Amino acid sequence: MEAAELRVGFVGAGRMAGGLARGLLRAGKVPASSIMASAPSDRNLGAWRESGCRTTHCNLEVLQESTLVFLATKPHVLPGVLQEIRPAVGPHHVVVSLAAGVTLQTLQRLLPAGTKVLRLMPNLPCVVQAGAMVFARGSSAGDGEAALLKSLLSSCGLCEEVPESYINIHTGLSGSGVAYVYLFAEAMAEGAVKMGMPGGLASKIAAQTLLGAAKMMLETGEHPAKLRGDVCTPGGTTIHGLHQLEKGALRATVMNAVEAATERALDMAKD
């Protein structure tokens, strides 16, 4: 299936769905006229129409008008949605679920046998096309479907195929990890405010510091420990600051946070 002939549908039109759609549009991957989104009310659909996308209140219409369908509803709503759309799902569809905790096994059980299903886990920065996404494919999805999804979503950030068992880990690392980084940025900025810098400037510098550090990790391929060591000079400011972080058990606390969020994701999958 070539991107040029794709018709993309979103069942659910919330923030994450909108971010993925904007990435496709900005990269010129799919024309707005080939994107349709459904939602129960008009609350989220106005922005889609302003972008030139088509909208509807009927989930079945999305299936009828699309070949690649993103299921972007809340997890507790998804089983009912799958029951509703099941009669309209055909062999020409590629179905991609964004619902946390809903396994490929569950998706395949609730959709017609042989449906090409993939499970995608994005994170919030997808809305500014700087996301980190992983996906796993179901038993009927082949290399072509995986390559198509990766090609399309590269416009929204990093997109990697992984075993399904990694998806809950990704949730703890990156889905929830965005909030850990915001908390760290807030703490950095508040430290600067304590020392006399205005809050707005401190927040801007903290954000740019995180952005620059992340870019260096990605572009150099160096281990973060190596990059951290490069900043430290004997007896300098950085090693004194790092000593305080180590005394506060930052490393162990962050590892515990990733573990706790991953365990919660695993628990949600069992519910």
Protein backbone atom coordinates (compact mmCIF):
# COMPACT_ATOMS: atom_id res chain seq x y z
CA MET A 1 0.00 0.00 0.00
CA GLU A 2 1.60 3.26 -1.13
CA ALA A 3 1.28 6.38 1.03
CA ALA A 4 -0.14 8.25 -1.96
CA GLU A 5 -3.19 5.96 -2.08
CA LEU A 6 -3.68 5.84 1.68
CA ARG A 7 -6.90 6.92 3.29
CA VAL A 8 -6.30 7.41 6.99
CA GLY A 9 -8.99 7.27 9.65
CA PHE A 10 -8.98 8.06 13.35
CA VAL A 11 -11.63 6.58 15.62
CA GLY A 12 -11.26 9.09 18.44
CA ALA A 13 -10.14 12.66 17.87
CA GLY A 14 -8.33 13.61 21.07
CA ARG A 15 -4.97 15.22 21.61
CA MET A 16 -2.78 12.26 20.69
CA ALA A 17 -4.75 11.48 17.52
CA GLY A 18 -4.56 15.14 16.54
CA GLY A 19 -0.81 15.18 17.09
CA LEU A 20 -0.27 12.18 14.84
CA ALA A 21 -2.49 13.71 12.15
CA ARG A 22 -0.59 17.01 12.30
CA GLY A 23 2.67 15.14 11.86
CA LEU A 24 1.36 13.39 8.74
CA LEU A 25 0.07 16.68 7.32
CA ARG A 26 3.20 18.73 8.05
CA ALA A 27 5.42 16.11 6.47
CA GLY A 28 3.17 15.90 3.42
CA LYS A 29 2.70 12.18 4.02
CA VAL A 30 -1.08 12.24 3.49
CA PRO A 31 -3.30 15.05 2.13
CA ALA A 32 -5.89 16.45 4.52
CA SER A 33 -8.68 15.31 2.22
CA SER A 34 -7.55 11.70 2.80
CA ILE A 35 -7.86 11.92 6.60
CA MET A 36 -11.13 11.38 8.48
CA ALA A 37 -11.73 11.51 12.24
CA SER A 38 -14.73 10.49 14.32
CA ALA A 39 -15.82 11.59 17.79
CA PRO A 40 -19.13 11.47 19.68
CA SER A 41 -19.41 15.28 19.77
CA ASP A 42 -18.00 18.30 17.95
CA ARG A 43 -15.81 19.31 20.92
CA ASN A 44 -12.56 17.98 19.37
CA LEU A 45 -13.54 17.97 15.71
CA GLY A 46 -13.33 21.70 14.96
CA ALA A 47 -9.53 21.70 14.78
CA TRP A 48 -9.62 18.75 12.37
CA ARG A 49 -12.00 20.58 10.03
CA GLU A 50 -9.81 23.71 10.18
CA SER A 51 -6.91 21.55 8.95
CA GLY A 52 -8.99 20.38 6.01
CA CYS A 53 -9.68 16.89 7.36
CA ARG A 54 -13.09 15.28 7.13
CA THR A 55 -15.03 14.53 10.29
CA THR A 56 -17.98 12.43 11.36
CA HIS A 57 -19.83 11.24 14.45
CA CYS A 58 -20.07 7.74 12.98
CA ASN A 59 -17.22 5.30 13.65
CA LEU A 60 -18.42 2.98 10.90
CA GLU A 61 -18.05 5.77 8.35
CA VAL A 62 -14.35 6.01 9.25
CA LEU A 63 -13.95 2.30 8.43
CA GLN A 64 -15.86 2.71 5.17
CA GLU A 65 -13.73 5.67 4.08
CA SER A 66 -10.28 4.53 5.30
CA THR A 67 -7.67 1.85 4.71
CA LEU A 68 -5.38 2.65 7.66
CA VAL A 69 -7.40 3.09 10.86
CA PHE A 70 -6.02 4.38 14.17
CA LEU A 71 -8.08 3.40 17.22
CA ALA A 72 -7.50 6.37 19.54
CA THR A 73 -10.22 5.93 22.14
CA LYS A 74 -9.87 5.51 25.91
CA PRO A 75 -8.98 1.90 26.82
CA HIS A 76 -12.24 1.25 28.68
CA VAL A 77 -14.24 2.41 25.64
CA LEU A 78 -12.33 0.34 23.09
CA PRO A 79 -14.07 -3.06 23.50
CA GLY A 80 -17.44 -1.46 22.71
CA VAL A 81 -15.94 0.37 19.73
CA LEU A 82 -14.42 -2.86 18.40
CA GLN A 83 -17.79 -4.59 18.67
CA GLU A 84 -19.37 -1.70 16.75
CA ILE A 85 -16.84 -1.58 13.91
CA ARG A 86 -16.19 -5.33 13.60
CA PRO A 87 -18.74 -5.85 10.78
CA ALA A 88 -17.04 -3.15 8.68
CA VAL A 89 -13.44 -4.41 9.08
CA GLY A 90 -12.13 -6.13 5.95
CA PRO A 91 -8.91 -7.63 4.62
CA HIS A 92 -7.94 -4.27 3.05
CA HIS A 93 -7.79 -2.55 6.47
CA VAL A 94 -4.73 -2.00 8.63
CA VAL A 95 -5.87 -1.36 12.21
CA VAL A 96 -3.55 0.39 14.69
CA SER A 97 -4.54 0.61 18.36
CA LEU A 98 -3.23 3.38 20.62
CA ALA A 99 -5.13 2.11 23.68
CA ALA A 100 -2.90 1.51 26.72
CA GLY A 101 -3.16 -1.92 28.28
CA VAL A 102 -5.14 -3.53 25.44
CA THR A 103 -3.04 -6.41 24.14
CA LEU A 104 -2.70 -7.68 20.59
CA GLN A 105 -4.33 -10.92 21.73
CA THR A 106 -7.40 -8.99 22.88
CA LEU A 107 -7.51 -6.90 19.70
CA GLN A 108 -7.27 -9.99 17.49
CA ARG A 109 -9.97 -11.76 19.50
CA LEU A 110 -12.40 -8.85 19.15
CA LEU A 111 -11.75 -8.22 15.43
CA PRO A 112 -12.38 -10.58 12.49
CA ALA A 113 -9.87 -13.41 12.04
CA GLY A 114 -6.93 -12.38 9.87
CA THR A 115 -7.27 -8.64 10.53
CA LYS A 116 -3.94 -6.83 10.12
CA VAL A 117 -3.53 -5.34 13.62
CA LEU A 118 -0.68 -3.38 15.17
CA ARG A 119 -0.36 -1.91 18.64
CA LEU A 120 1.24 1.54 18.95
CA MET A 121 2.34 3.33 22.12
CA PRO A 122 3.12 7.02 21.54
CA ASN A 123 3.97 9.69 24.11
CA LEU A 124 2.76 13.25 24.56
CA PRO A 125 5.53 15.06 22.59
CA CYS A 126 4.04 13.46 19.46
CA VAL A 127 1.76 16.50 19.48
CA VAL A 128 4.81 18.66 18.64
CA GLN A 129 6.29 16.01 16.31
CA ALA A 130 9.03 15.10 18.80
CA GLY A 131 7.57 11.90 20.18
CA ALA A 132 9.03 8.53 21.07
CA MET A 133 6.84 5.69 19.79
CA VAL A 134 7.10 1.92 19.75
CA PHE A 135 4.83 -0.55 18.01
CA ALA A 136 4.31 -4.30 17.81
CA ARG A 137 2.53 -6.23 15.10
CA GLY A 138 -0.13 -8.89 15.38
CA SER A 139 0.10 -12.30 13.73
CA SER A 140 -1.51 -11.18 10.46
CA ALA A 141 0.47 -7.93 10.03
CA GLY A 142 3.50 -8.36 7.80
CA ASP A 143 6.67 -6.49 6.96
CA GLY A 144 4.77 -4.19 4.60
CA GLU A 145 2.37 -2.97 7.27
CA ALA A 146 5.22 -2.47 9.77
CA ALA A 147 7.29 -0.53 7.23
CA LEU A 148 4.30 1.62 6.28
CA LEU A 149 3.56 2.55 9.89
CA LYS A 150 7.20 3.33 10.66
CA SER A 151 7.55 5.46 7.52
CA LEU A 152 4.39 7.43 8.23
CA LEU A 153 5.05 8.04 11.92
CA SER A 154 8.68 9.06 11.47
CA SER A 155 7.17 12.50 10.87
CA CYS A 156 6.00 12.51 14.51
CA GLY A 157 9.32 11.55 16.09
CA LEU A 158 11.25 8.36 16.83
CA CYS A 159 9.30 5.23 15.87
CA GLU A 160 10.67 1.73 16.51
CA GLU A 161 9.25 -1.77 16.16
CA VAL A 162 9.62 -3.85 19.33
CA PRO A 163 8.34 -7.10 20.85
CA GLU A 164 4.98 -6.49 22.50
CA SER A 165 6.52 -7.19 25.92
CA TYR A 166 8.49 -3.92 25.58
CA ILE A 167 5.38 -1.77 25.22
CA ASN A 168 4.61 -1.63 28.94
CA ILE A 169 8.28 -0.85 29.63
CA HIS A 170 8.06 1.97 27.09
CA THR A 171 5.05 3.28 29.00
CA GLY A 172 7.12 3.43 32.21
CA LEU A 173 10.17 4.86 30.46
CA SER A 174 8.74 7.30 27.93
CA GLY A 175 4.96 7.57 28.20
CA SER A 176 5.17 8.38 31.90
CA GLY A 177 8.79 9.48 31.61
CA VAL A 178 7.78 12.76 30.02
CA ALA A 179 6.28 13.75 33.39
CA TYR A 180 9.49 12.79 35.22
CA VAL A 181 11.40 15.13 32.92
CA TYR A 182 8.90 17.94 33.52
CA LEU A 183 9.34 17.49 37.27
CA PHE A 184 13.13 17.61 36.89
CA ALA A 185 12.89 20.73 34.71
CA GLU A 186 10.61 22.37 37.27
CA ALA A 187 13.08 21.57 40.07
CA MET A 188 16.01 22.96 38.08
CA ALA A 189 14.14 26.17 37.37
CA GLU A 190 13.06 26.56 40.99
CA GLY A 191 16.67 26.15 42.09
CA ALA A 192 17.61 29.03 39.80
CA VAL A 193 14.71 31.12 41.14
CA LYS A 194 15.96 30.46 44.68
CA MET A 195 19.33 31.85 43.63
CA GLY A 196 17.76 34.99 42.14
CA MET A 197 16.85 34.33 38.48
CA PRO A 198 13.35 35.28 37.22
CA GLY A 199 11.03 32.25 36.87
CA GLY A 200 10.20 32.66 33.18
CA LEU A 201 13.85 32.86 32.16
CA ALA A 202 14.79 29.97 34.44
CA SER A 203 12.11 27.71 32.91
CA LYS A 204 13.19 28.59 29.38
CA ILE A 205 16.85 27.85 30.14
CA ALA A 206 15.96 24.59 31.91
CA ALA A 207 13.94 23.44 28.89
CA GLN A 208 16.72 24.33 26.45
CA THR A 209 19.25 22.56 28.67
CA LEU A 210 17.21 19.35 28.52
CA LEU A 211 16.69 19.71 24.77
CA GLY A 212 20.41 20.23 24.15
CA ALA A 213 21.44 17.34 26.38
CA ALA A 214 18.98 15.01 24.64
CA LYS A 215 20.18 16.11 21.21
CA MET A 216 23.79 15.38 22.18
CA MET A 217 22.83 11.87 23.35
CA LEU A 218 21.03 11.14 20.08
CA GLU A 219 23.55 12.71 17.71
CA THR A 220 26.80 11.52 19.35
CA GLY A 221 25.55 8.05 20.32
CA GLU A 222 27.66 8.37 23.48
CA HIS A 223 26.56 6.73 26.72
CA PRO A 224 25.04 9.33 29.06
CA ALA A 225 27.67 8.48 31.70
CA LYS A 226 30.41 9.48 29.23
CA LEU A 227 28.68 12.76 28.39
CA ARG A 228 28.12 13.48 32.08
CA GLY A 229 31.78 12.85 32.80
CA ASP A 230 32.79 15.24 30.02
CA VAL A 231 30.99 18.09 31.84
CA CYS A 232 32.75 17.47 35.14
CA THR A 233 36.08 19.11 35.95
CA PRO A 234 38.04 18.27 39.11
CA GLY A 235 36.75 20.37 41.99
CA GLY A 236 34.32 22.23 39.70
CA THR A 237 30.69 23.27 40.00
CA THR A 238 29.20 20.24 38.23
CA ILE A 239 30.71 17.56 40.46
CA HIS A 240 29.53 19.46 43.53
CA GLY A 241 26.00 19.58 42.11
CA LEU A 242 26.07 15.90 41.10
CA HIS A 243 27.19 14.95 44.60
CA GLN A 244 23.99 16.47 45.98
CA LEU A 245 21.89 14.52 43.44
CA GLU A 246 23.64 11.29 44.43
CA LYS A 247 23.07 12.04 48.13
CA GLY A 248 19.37 12.43 47.28
CA ALA A 249 19.39 9.02 45.53
CA LEU A 250 18.21 10.52 42.23
CA ARG A 251 19.41 7.55 40.17
CA ALA A 252 17.66 4.90 42.30
CA THR A 253 14.52 7.02 42.62
CA VAL A 254 14.18 7.42 38.85
CA MET A 255 14.78 3.70 38.30
CA ASN A 256 12.09 2.99 40.88
CA ALA A 257 9.71 5.37 39.07
CA VAL A 258 10.18 3.56 35.74
CA GLU A 259 9.65 0.23 37.48
CA ALA A 260 6.50 1.40 39.31
CA ALA A 261 4.92 2.85 36.16
CA THR A 262 5.76 -0.30 34.17
CA GLU A 263 4.23 -2.51 36.87
CA ARG A 264 1.09 -0.37 36.82
CA ALA A 265 0.89 -0.72 33.03
CA LEU A 266 1.16 -4.50 33.43
CA ASP A 267 -1.61 -4.45 36.05
CA MET A 268 -3.85 -2.40 33.74
CA ALA A 269 -3.36 -4.99 30.99
CA LYS A 270 -4.67 -7.68 33.34
CA ASP A 271 -7.83 -5.74 34.31
